[in-house]
Amino acid sequence: MIIKPIKNKKDYQNALDRLEIIFDSKKGSPNGDELEILGILIEKYEDEHFPIGFPDPIEAIKFRMEQLGYNQTDLANIIGLKSRASEILNKKRKLTLEMIRLLHERLNIPTEVLIQSYE
């Protein structure tokens, strides 16, 4: 097992190729240990070179509602009036701090996502 830092695209591609070869290795075996370390190195490289930002707050709410099978009435039960829920979903009204707290608690959407500015 030769482990080295991933410094460029070529190193990254080589790491991905090796990961594919040893992907089904058993935990605790030499290849399993290499797989674990390689995964950490690949993740670090991807975090630095391919950062993924947070989603739009309203899109995150819509996505979570879809996951839970919620409709606009369900959202209204969380944040107040049905008309307010409609305005939020159509981006005609901004989220308030209290709404952010409620959405975080009840829909389990990270506050870091909900506090972002949006158009």
Protein backbone atom coordinates (compact mmCIF):
# COMPACT_ATOMS: atom_id res chain seq x y z
CA MET A 1 0.00 0.00 0.00
CA ILE A 2 1.56 3.25 -1.16
CA ILE A 3 -0.47 6.24 0.00
CA LYS A 4 0.42 9.75 -1.08
CA PRO A 5 -1.35 13.11 -1.05
CA ILE A 6 -3.61 14.05 -3.94
CA LYS A 7 -2.04 17.21 -5.38
CA ASN A 8 -3.45 17.49 -8.89
CA LYS A 9 -6.00 16.12 -11.36
CA LYS A 10 -3.75 13.22 -12.36
CA ASP A 11 -3.29 12.14 -8.73
CA TYR A 12 -7.04 12.50 -8.22
CA GLN A 13 -7.86 10.32 -11.23
CA ASN A 14 -5.31 7.70 -10.12
CA ALA A 15 -6.89 7.67 -6.65
CA LEU A 16 -10.37 7.20 -8.15
CA ASP A 17 -9.10 4.38 -10.35
CA ARG A 18 -7.50 2.64 -7.36
CA LEU A 19 -10.62 3.18 -5.26
CA GLU A 20 -12.69 1.42 -7.90
CA ILE A 21 -10.34 -1.58 -7.84
CA ILE A 22 -10.39 -2.02 -4.04
CA PHE A 23 -13.96 -0.82 -3.44
CA ASP A 24 -15.30 -4.17 -2.16
CA SER A 25 -12.38 -4.85 0.20
CA LYS A 26 -13.17 -6.15 3.67
CA LYS A 27 -12.87 -3.75 6.58
CA GLY A 28 -9.70 -4.34 8.56
CA SER A 29 -7.83 -5.98 5.68
CA PRO A 30 -4.82 -4.19 4.15
CA ASN A 31 -6.92 -3.20 1.11
CA GLY A 32 -9.78 -2.21 3.43
CA ASP A 33 -7.42 0.11 5.33
CA GLU A 34 -6.15 1.54 2.04
CA LEU A 35 -9.76 2.06 0.92
CA GLU A 36 -10.56 4.00 4.08
CA ILE A 37 -7.50 6.26 3.81
CA LEU A 38 -7.98 6.77 0.08
CA GLY A 39 -11.59 7.78 0.70
CA ILE A 40 -10.47 10.44 3.18
CA LEU A 41 -7.88 11.81 0.75
CA ILE A 42 -10.37 11.91 -2.12
CA GLU A 43 -12.97 13.65 0.04
CA LYS A 44 -10.43 16.28 1.13
CA TYR A 45 -9.39 16.95 -2.47
CA GLU A 46 -13.00 17.20 -3.64
CA ASP A 47 -13.95 19.55 -0.79
CA GLU A 48 -11.10 21.86 -1.75
CA HIS A 49 -11.48 21.70 -5.54
CA PHE A 50 -15.18 21.02 -6.10
CA PRO A 51 -17.00 22.82 -3.28
CA ILE A 52 -20.75 22.46 -3.22
CA GLY A 53 -22.66 25.42 -1.84
CA PHE A 54 -25.88 25.31 0.09
CA PRO A 55 -29.13 25.07 -1.86
CA ASP A 56 -31.53 27.98 -2.16
CA PRO A 57 -33.57 28.14 1.10
CA ILE A 58 -36.95 27.98 -0.63
CA GLU A 59 -35.86 25.12 -2.88
CA ALA A 60 -34.63 23.30 0.24
CA ILE A 61 -38.06 23.76 1.86
CA LYS A 62 -39.82 22.48 -1.27
CA PHE A 63 -37.48 19.51 -1.50
CA ARG A 64 -38.00 18.58 2.15
CA MET A 65 -41.76 18.97 1.79
CA GLU A 66 -41.68 16.62 -1.17
CA GLN A 67 -39.63 14.09 0.79
CA LEU A 68 -42.16 14.17 3.63
CA GLY A 69 -45.22 14.22 1.38
CA TYR A 70 -46.21 17.65 2.71
CA ASN A 71 -48.34 20.17 0.88
CA GLN A 72 -48.84 23.90 1.29
CA THR A 73 -51.38 23.35 4.08
CA ASP A 74 -48.82 21.34 6.04
CA LEU A 75 -46.32 24.18 5.63
CA ALA A 76 -48.97 26.65 6.77
CA ASN A 77 -49.47 24.57 9.92
CA ILE A 78 -45.79 25.10 10.67
CA ILE A 79 -45.31 28.78 9.83
CA GLY A 80 -48.79 30.25 10.20
CA LEU A 81 -51.32 31.20 7.56
CA LYS A 82 -51.83 29.39 4.25
CA SER A 83 -51.44 32.68 2.40
CA ARG A 84 -48.09 33.21 4.17
CA ALA A 85 -46.95 29.75 3.12
CA SER A 86 -47.89 30.57 -0.48
CA GLU A 87 -45.97 33.85 -0.35
CA ILE A 88 -42.91 32.07 1.06
CA LEU A 89 -42.98 29.33 -1.57
CA ASN A 90 -43.37 31.92 -4.35
CA LYS A 91 -40.56 34.06 -2.87
CA LYS A 92 -42.86 37.03 -2.33
CA ARG A 93 -42.20 37.06 1.40
CA LYS A 94 -38.87 36.54 3.18
CA LEU A 95 -38.43 34.02 5.96
CA THR A 96 -38.47 35.50 9.44
CA LEU A 97 -36.22 34.33 12.25
CA GLU A 98 -39.16 32.59 13.91
CA MET A 99 -40.06 30.80 10.65
CA ILE A 100 -36.46 29.67 10.29
CA ARG A 101 -36.51 28.25 13.80
CA LEU A 102 -39.78 26.42 13.18
CA LEU A 103 -38.67 25.03 9.82
CA HIS A 104 -35.43 23.85 11.37
CA GLU A 105 -37.20 22.14 14.27
CA ARG A 106 -40.07 20.57 12.33
CA LEU A 107 -38.59 19.87 8.91
CA ASN A 108 -35.02 19.32 10.10
CA ILE A 109 -33.58 21.74 7.53
CA PRO A 110 -30.20 23.10 8.66
CA THR A 111 -30.35 26.72 9.78
CA GLU A 112 -27.25 27.40 7.66
CA VAL A 113 -29.40 26.72 4.60
CA LEU A 114 -32.43 28.68 5.76
CA ILE A 115 -30.57 31.88 6.74
CA GLN A 116 -29.06 32.44 3.30
CA SER A 117 -30.24 35.38 1.26
CA TYR A 118 -32.26 34.66 -1.83
CA GLU A 119 -34.05 36.50 -4.64
